[in-house]
Amino acid sequence: MRSKSTTVKSQRRGAKKTLASAEGGQSNQRRQRIMAEAAHLFATRGFDATTIRDIASAAGILGGSVYYHFASKEEIFLAVHTSGMEAITKAVEESIAKHTDPWDRLMAAAMAHCESLLSSSELPVIVSPYYSQSLSGLREELVKTRDRYETIMKELVAALDLPPHINRHVFRLHFLGAMNWVSTWYKPDSQLTPSEIGRQLVMMIRHPA
């Protein structure tokens, strides 16, 4: 039979674990809040014009509290960019997994890409390959976060029955550019949904079998 002292110690350990878990959850929520507000500010004001104080104010915390979660504004941008790329990549992977035909897979990828890209006004700016000069030191890290997605697109294009004279590298870059450029002209009240736009992009370049 357990002694009263042992029981009390066990209860205290359990309470500490519960408290630590709760604090961890709150910390993660605060981190996500910082990233969400930073994404909005980066998209509307630009990276250079946004300060740590601006981000903290938008997130409803003290300026110094941001540094508990991120070492710098650049680190926040990297986290936001990574999160955005992961969201698009996951959506595309889940969509293409439902198909086996190469062209159907490309169409599924385009539809998922456009849906994800246009799901918020911040994402197109955050995942854009055109960065502020202030982020030049992070370029290598930013490119790494795109590698997984680039690999998926390379594999999709490699499987297509393109004519021999079509350069697949140029084809892939052209196709990615077309999808990413949608964010510059798309309007929410458009007659076409984001996924329909993605479908149209593939229909316009599909080579008849």
Protein backbone atom coordinates (compact mmCIF):
# COMPACT_ATOMS: atom_id res chain seq x y z
CA MET A 1 0.00 0.00 0.00
CA ARG A 2 1.35 3.42 -0.94
CA SER A 3 2.17 5.79 1.88
CA LYS A 4 0.49 9.17 2.18
CA SER A 5 3.84 10.87 1.51
CA THR A 6 4.34 8.91 -1.72
CA THR A 7 0.82 9.75 -2.86
CA VAL A 8 1.32 13.45 -2.21
CA LYS A 9 4.62 13.46 -4.14
CA SER A 10 2.94 11.68 -7.03
CA GLN A 11 0.13 14.23 -7.06
CA ARG A 12 2.63 17.08 -7.07
CA ARG A 13 4.52 15.56 -10.02
CA GLY A 14 1.23 15.17 -11.86
CA ALA A 15 0.28 18.75 -11.13
CA LYS A 16 3.67 19.99 -12.38
CA LYS A 17 3.31 18.01 -15.60
CA THR A 18 -0.20 19.40 -16.15
CA LEU A 19 1.03 22.95 -15.50
CA ALA A 20 4.01 22.49 -17.85
CA SER A 21 1.69 21.15 -20.54
CA ALA A 22 -0.67 24.10 -20.12
CA GLU A 23 2.20 26.58 -20.25
CA GLY A 24 3.56 24.86 -23.35
CA GLY A 25 0.17 25.13 -25.00
CA GLN A 26 -0.11 28.82 -24.18
CA SER A 27 3.42 29.45 -25.45
CA ASN A 28 2.64 27.72 -28.74
CA GLN A 29 -0.58 29.72 -29.12
CA ARG A 30 1.32 32.95 -28.50
CA ARG A 31 3.95 31.94 -31.05
CA GLN A 32 1.27 31.23 -33.64
CA ARG A 33 -0.37 34.56 -32.86
CA ILE A 34 2.92 36.38 -33.41
CA MET A 35 3.41 34.60 -36.73
CA ALA A 36 -0.13 35.38 -37.89
CA GLU A 37 0.16 39.08 -37.08
CA ALA A 38 3.66 39.26 -38.56
CA ALA A 39 2.44 37.66 -41.80
CA HIS A 40 -0.28 40.30 -42.09
CA LEU A 41 2.15 43.14 -41.45
CA PHE A 42 4.80 41.80 -43.82
CA ALA A 43 2.15 41.50 -46.52
CA THR A 44 0.60 44.93 -46.01
CA ARG A 45 3.59 47.06 -44.97
CA GLY A 46 6.52 45.09 -46.28
CA PHE A 47 9.33 43.46 -44.33
CA ASP A 48 11.50 46.56 -44.02
CA ALA A 49 8.72 48.82 -42.76
CA THR A 50 7.58 46.33 -40.10
CA THR A 51 9.24 46.44 -36.68
CA ILE A 52 9.30 44.01 -33.78
CA ARG A 53 7.31 46.58 -31.81
CA ASP A 54 4.65 46.61 -34.55
CA ILE A 55 4.38 42.83 -34.43
CA ALA A 56 4.20 42.76 -30.64
CA SER A 57 1.53 45.45 -30.58
CA ALA A 58 -0.58 43.60 -33.15
CA ALA A 59 -0.20 40.37 -31.17
CA GLY A 60 -1.17 42.12 -27.93
CA ILE A 61 2.10 41.51 -26.09
CA LEU A 62 5.10 43.56 -24.94
CA GLY A 63 7.88 44.12 -27.45
CA GLY A 64 10.42 42.23 -25.38
CA SER A 65 8.12 39.21 -25.15
CA VAL A 66 8.57 38.51 -28.86
CA TYR A 67 12.20 37.59 -28.20
CA TYR A 68 11.06 34.75 -25.95
CA HIS A 69 9.81 33.03 -29.12
CA PHE A 70 12.01 34.48 -31.87
CA ALA A 71 15.54 35.84 -31.88
CA SER A 72 14.88 38.43 -34.59
CA LYS A 73 12.45 39.77 -37.18
CA GLU A 74 14.28 37.72 -39.80
CA GLU A 75 13.63 34.56 -37.80
CA ILE A 76 9.93 35.41 -37.66
CA PHE A 77 9.83 35.85 -41.43
CA LEU A 78 11.59 32.52 -41.92
CA ALA A 79 9.07 30.78 -39.65
CA VAL A 80 6.13 32.38 -41.45
CA HIS A 81 7.56 31.56 -44.89
CA THR A 82 8.23 27.96 -43.87
CA SER A 83 4.72 27.58 -42.50
CA GLY A 84 3.23 28.97 -45.71
CA MET A 85 5.26 26.67 -47.94
CA GLU A 86 4.40 23.66 -45.78
CA ALA A 87 0.69 24.46 -46.08
CA ILE A 88 0.85 24.62 -49.89
CA THR A 89 3.03 21.51 -50.10
CA LYS A 90 0.71 19.48 -47.87
CA ALA A 91 -2.35 20.52 -49.86
CA VAL A 92 -0.69 19.55 -53.15
CA GLU A 93 0.59 16.22 -51.83
CA GLU A 94 -2.85 15.25 -50.55
CA SER A 95 -4.49 16.20 -53.85
CA ILE A 96 -2.11 14.42 -56.21
CA ALA A 97 -2.24 11.25 -54.08
CA LYS A 98 -5.81 10.71 -55.32
CA HIS A 99 -4.73 10.38 -58.96
CA THR A 100 -2.44 8.23 -61.09
CA ASP A 101 -2.64 9.82 -64.56
CA PRO A 102 0.22 12.34 -64.93
CA TRP A 103 -1.96 15.11 -66.35
CA ASP A 104 -4.65 14.54 -63.74
CA ARG A 105 -1.98 14.77 -61.05
CA LEU A 106 -0.68 18.05 -62.49
CA MET A 107 -4.21 19.42 -62.60
CA ALA A 108 -4.84 18.36 -59.01
CA ALA A 109 -1.60 20.06 -58.00
CA ALA A 110 -2.55 23.28 -59.80
CA MET A 111 -6.00 23.35 -58.23
CA ALA A 112 -4.61 22.75 -54.74
CA HIS A 113 -1.82 25.29 -55.26
CA CYS A 114 -4.20 28.05 -56.33
CA GLU A 115 -6.67 27.27 -53.56
CA SER A 116 -3.93 27.41 -50.92
CA LEU A 117 -2.21 30.45 -52.38
CA LEU A 118 -5.43 32.47 -52.50
CA SER A 119 -6.74 31.28 -49.14
CA SER A 120 -5.39 34.45 -47.53
CA SER A 121 -4.10 37.81 -48.71
CA GLU A 122 -0.82 37.30 -46.86
CA LEU A 123 0.35 34.01 -48.34
CA PRO A 124 1.18 35.21 -51.87
CA VAL A 125 3.54 37.84 -50.46
CA ILE A 126 5.12 35.54 -47.90
CA VAL A 127 5.93 32.70 -50.31
CA SER A 128 6.97 35.01 -53.16
CA PRO A 129 10.49 34.31 -54.47
CA TYR A 130 11.14 38.06 -54.58
CA TYR A 131 12.51 39.01 -51.19
CA SER A 132 13.61 42.26 -49.62
CA GLN A 133 17.34 42.93 -49.79
CA SER A 134 17.24 42.89 -46.00
CA LEU A 135 16.54 39.16 -46.22
CA SER A 136 19.51 38.37 -48.46
CA GLY A 137 21.27 36.68 -45.56
CA LEU A 138 18.36 34.26 -45.25
CA ARG A 139 18.15 33.44 -48.95
CA GLU A 140 19.76 30.02 -48.56
CA GLU A 141 17.36 29.06 -45.77
CA LEU A 142 14.35 30.40 -47.65
CA VAL A 143 15.29 28.42 -50.75
CA LYS A 144 15.61 25.25 -48.65
CA THR A 145 12.01 25.56 -47.53
CA ARG A 146 10.98 25.51 -51.19
CA ASP A 147 13.06 22.47 -52.14
CA ARG A 148 10.45 19.90 -51.12
CA TYR A 149 7.82 21.62 -53.23
CA GLU A 150 10.21 22.04 -56.14
CA THR A 151 10.93 18.30 -56.04
CA ILE A 152 7.21 17.50 -56.25
CA MET A 153 6.77 19.76 -59.27
CA LYS A 154 9.83 18.29 -61.00
CA GLU A 155 8.44 14.79 -60.58
CA LEU A 156 5.01 15.82 -61.87
CA VAL A 157 6.46 17.46 -64.97
CA ALA A 158 8.88 14.58 -65.58
CA ALA A 159 5.94 12.18 -65.84
CA LEU A 160 4.07 14.18 -68.51
CA ASP A 161 3.91 13.04 -72.14
CA LEU A 162 5.40 16.23 -73.51
CA PRO A 163 6.69 16.51 -77.09
CA PRO A 164 10.47 15.90 -77.40
CA HIS A 165 11.17 19.52 -78.32
CA ILE A 166 9.64 20.87 -75.08
CA ASN A 167 12.22 21.68 -72.41
CA ARG A 168 10.81 20.36 -69.14
CA HIS A 169 12.82 22.78 -67.02
CA VAL A 170 11.37 25.76 -68.88
CA PHE A 171 7.93 24.15 -68.83
CA ARG A 172 8.06 23.77 -65.03
CA LEU A 173 9.24 27.33 -64.40
CA HIS A 174 6.63 28.70 -66.80
CA PHE A 175 3.88 26.71 -65.10
CA LEU A 176 4.95 27.72 -61.58
CA GLY A 177 5.14 31.34 -62.67
CA ALA A 178 1.63 31.19 -64.13
CA MET A 179 0.22 29.75 -60.89
CA ASN A 180 1.99 32.24 -58.64
CA TRP A 181 1.05 35.18 -60.86
CA VAL A 182 -2.65 34.43 -60.30
CA SER A 183 -2.46 36.25 -56.97
CA THR A 184 -1.71 39.55 -58.75
CA TRP A 185 -4.95 39.63 -60.72
CA TYR A 186 -7.41 37.35 -58.94
CA LYS A 187 -10.41 38.99 -57.27
CA PRO A 188 -12.64 37.20 -54.72
CA ASP A 189 -15.75 38.12 -56.74
CA SER A 190 -14.32 36.48 -59.86
CA GLN A 191 -16.58 34.09 -61.77
CA LEU A 192 -13.87 31.45 -61.47
CA THR A 193 -12.91 29.86 -58.18
CA PRO A 194 -9.20 29.42 -57.33
CA SER A 195 -9.39 25.69 -58.07
CA GLU A 196 -11.10 26.33 -61.41
CA ILE A 197 -8.33 28.75 -62.34
CA GLY A 198 -5.78 26.03 -61.56
CA ARG A 199 -7.72 23.61 -63.76
CA GLN A 200 -7.84 26.13 -66.60
CA LEU A 201 -4.06 26.67 -66.43
CA VAL A 202 -3.47 22.98 -67.08
CA MET A 203 -6.13 22.74 -69.79
CA MET A 204 -4.41 25.57 -71.71
CA ILE A 205 -1.05 23.80 -71.85
CA ARG A 206 -2.08 20.16 -72.04
CA HIS A 207 -0.70 18.48 -75.14
CA PRO A 208 -3.24 16.21 -76.88
CA ALA A 209 -2.33 12.54 -76.56
